[in-house]
Protein backbone atom coordinates (compact mmCIF):
# COMPACT_ATOMS: atom_id res chain seq x y z
CA MET A 1 5.58 -5.65 -21.45
CA SER A 2 5.54 -1.91 -21.36
CA ARG A 3 7.85 0.08 -19.12
CA VAL A 4 6.70 0.24 -15.49
CA THR A 5 6.63 3.56 -13.64
CA TYR A 6 7.57 3.21 -9.98
CA PRO A 7 6.97 5.66 -7.18
CA SER A 8 10.02 7.50 -5.79
CA ALA A 9 10.68 7.68 -2.07
CA GLU A 10 9.82 11.42 -2.28
CA ARG A 11 6.43 10.61 -3.86
CA VAL A 12 5.64 8.10 -1.11
CA ILE A 13 6.56 10.70 1.49
CA GLU A 14 4.28 13.23 -0.24
CA PHE A 15 1.45 10.66 -0.01
CA ASN A 16 2.09 10.20 3.70
CA ILE A 17 1.69 13.95 4.27
CA LEU A 18 -1.47 13.93 2.12
CA ALA A 19 -2.90 10.90 3.93
CA ILE A 20 -2.38 12.48 7.33
CA THR A 21 -3.79 15.79 6.22
CA LEU A 22 -6.85 14.53 4.34
CA ILE A 23 -7.67 11.34 6.22
CA SER A 24 -7.29 12.28 9.87
CA ALA A 25 -7.38 9.35 12.27
CA LYS A 26 -5.73 10.62 15.43
CA LYS A 27 -4.87 14.02 16.81
CA ALA A 28 -1.27 12.90 17.36
CA ASP A 29 -0.76 11.99 13.62
CA LYS A 30 2.65 13.18 12.44
CA ALA A 31 4.15 13.09 8.98
CA VAL A 32 7.59 11.79 10.02
CA VAL A 33 9.73 9.25 8.18
CA LEU A 34 10.99 6.75 10.70
CA SER A 35 13.22 4.82 8.29
CA ARG A 36 14.24 6.04 4.84
CA ALA A 37 16.23 2.74 4.48
CA LYS A 38 13.06 0.65 4.93
CA LEU A 39 11.22 2.82 2.45
CA GLU A 40 13.95 2.38 -0.14
CA ALA A 41 14.01 -1.36 0.55
CA VAL A 42 10.27 -1.65 -0.13
CA LEU A 43 10.61 0.26 -3.40
CA THR A 44 13.49 -1.95 -4.43
CA LEU A 45 11.55 -5.12 -3.70
CA CYS A 46 8.67 -3.77 -5.77
CA ARG A 47 11.00 -3.06 -8.71
CA GLU A 48 12.62 -6.45 -8.51
CA ARG A 49 9.45 -8.50 -8.07
CA GLU A 50 8.81 -10.92 -10.92
CA GLY A 51 5.24 -11.17 -12.20
CA ASP A 52 2.67 -8.76 -13.44
CA ILE A 53 1.89 -5.24 -12.29
CA HIS A 54 -0.49 -6.64 -9.64
CA ASP A 55 2.22 -8.84 -8.15
CA LYS A 56 4.36 -5.74 -7.84
CA ALA A 57 1.44 -3.83 -6.30
CA VAL A 58 1.02 -6.52 -3.63
CA VAL A 59 4.72 -6.19 -2.68
CA LEU A 60 4.38 -2.40 -2.50
CA LEU A 61 1.20 -2.55 -0.40
CA GLN A 62 2.48 -5.23 1.96
CA GLY A 63 5.87 -3.60 2.35
CA LEU A 64 4.52 -0.16 3.19
CA VAL A 65 1.95 -1.57 5.62
CA LYS A 66 4.31 -3.90 7.45
CA GLN A 67 7.59 -2.02 7.50
CA HIS A 68 6.16 0.91 9.48
CA VAL A 69 8.17 3.48 7.54
CA PHE A 70 6.28 6.45 8.97
CA ALA A 71 5.34 7.58 12.45
CA SER A 72 1.66 7.73 11.43
CA GLY A 73 -0.53 6.87 8.47
CA ASN A 74 1.30 3.81 7.19
CA ARG A 75 -1.81 1.94 6.03
CA ARG A 76 -3.41 5.02 4.59
CA THR A 77 -0.20 5.84 2.73
CA ALA A 78 0.25 2.30 1.49
CA PHE A 79 -3.28 2.29 0.09
CA LEU A 80 -2.91 5.60 -1.74
CA VAL A 81 0.53 4.80 -3.14
CA THR A 82 -0.59 1.38 -4.39
CA LYS A 83 -3.72 2.84 -6.06
CA GLU A 84 -1.67 5.45 -7.83
CA PHE A 85 0.96 2.91 -8.84
CA LEU A 86 -1.68 0.74 -10.53
CA LEU A 87 -3.52 3.67 -12.21
CA VAL A 88 -0.33 5.17 -13.58
CA ASN A 89 0.62 1.78 -15.01
CA LYS A 90 -2.82 1.05 -16.40
CA GLY A 91 -3.41 -1.78 -13.95
CA LYS A 92 -6.81 -2.78 -12.68
CA PHE A 93 -7.74 -1.33 -9.27
CA GLY A 94 -10.95 -3.01 -8.09
CA ILE A 95 -11.02 -2.27 -4.36
CA PRO A 96 -14.50 -0.85 -3.60
CA ASP A 97 -14.94 2.49 -1.92
CA ASP A 98 -15.76 0.91 1.43
CA PRO A 99 -13.67 2.33 4.30
CA ALA A 100 -14.65 -0.41 6.71
CA GLN A 101 -13.56 -3.19 4.31
CA VAL A 102 -10.36 -1.34 3.43
CA THR A 103 -9.46 -0.79 7.09
CA ASN A 104 -10.21 -4.43 7.92
CA ALA A 105 -8.16 -5.77 5.03
CA LEU A 106 -5.18 -3.51 5.77
CA ARG A 107 -5.18 -4.71 9.33
CA GLY A 108 -5.14 -8.25 8.07
CA ILE A 109 -2.21 -7.46 5.77
CA ARG A 110 -0.32 -5.98 8.71
CA GLU A 111 -0.86 -9.14 10.68
CA ASN A 112 0.05 -11.61 7.90
CA PHE A 113 -3.50 -12.90 7.67
CA TYR A 114 -3.62 -13.00 3.88
CA THR A 115 -1.58 -14.73 1.20
CA HIS A 116 -0.03 -12.89 -1.74
CA GLU A 117 -2.72 -14.32 -4.00
CA GLU A 118 -5.58 -13.15 -1.69
CA ILE A 119 -4.18 -9.61 -1.66
CA LYS A 120 -3.72 -9.72 -5.40
CA GLU A 121 -7.37 -10.74 -5.94
CA TRP A 122 -8.50 -7.97 -3.57
CA ILE A 123 -6.52 -5.39 -5.47
CA LYS A 124 -7.87 -6.56 -8.83
CA ASP A 125 -11.41 -7.60 -8.06
CA GLY A 126 -12.24 -6.16 -4.61
CA LYS A 127 -12.88 -9.58 -3.07
CA ILE A 128 -11.27 -10.60 0.20
CA ARG A 129 -12.38 -12.60 3.22
CA PRO A 130 -12.86 -10.56 6.38
CA PHE A 131 -9.92 -10.32 8.70
CA ARG A 132 -10.52 -11.95 12.08
CA ARG A 133 -8.06 -12.36 14.91
């Protein structure tokens, strides 16, 4: 297996600023790190995860969505960081450019609706069942 390139905490923070600037959701959005320790823990879990690049991407995506590292833009940031992580490491990124589907799936990830394997399939092939409460 080739060497994996992981995002740094600084890179993730840059993506949070970018996400809030380019993908505005609320007027009150603020690029503020709430927990650097949680951010570092997510990155460590990603590095230590056994499996292929997509297994690591699932851990990265889930961790950034669920740990609420930032004051705003956690899901947007998680999506962007995960996409870059896969592209840099020559992994397949098959999530379609469908904001409604992406928003729905990220909500489901936040609420533990999906299994690891379902998220992995979504990342690779763009297929995921709709999240419903």
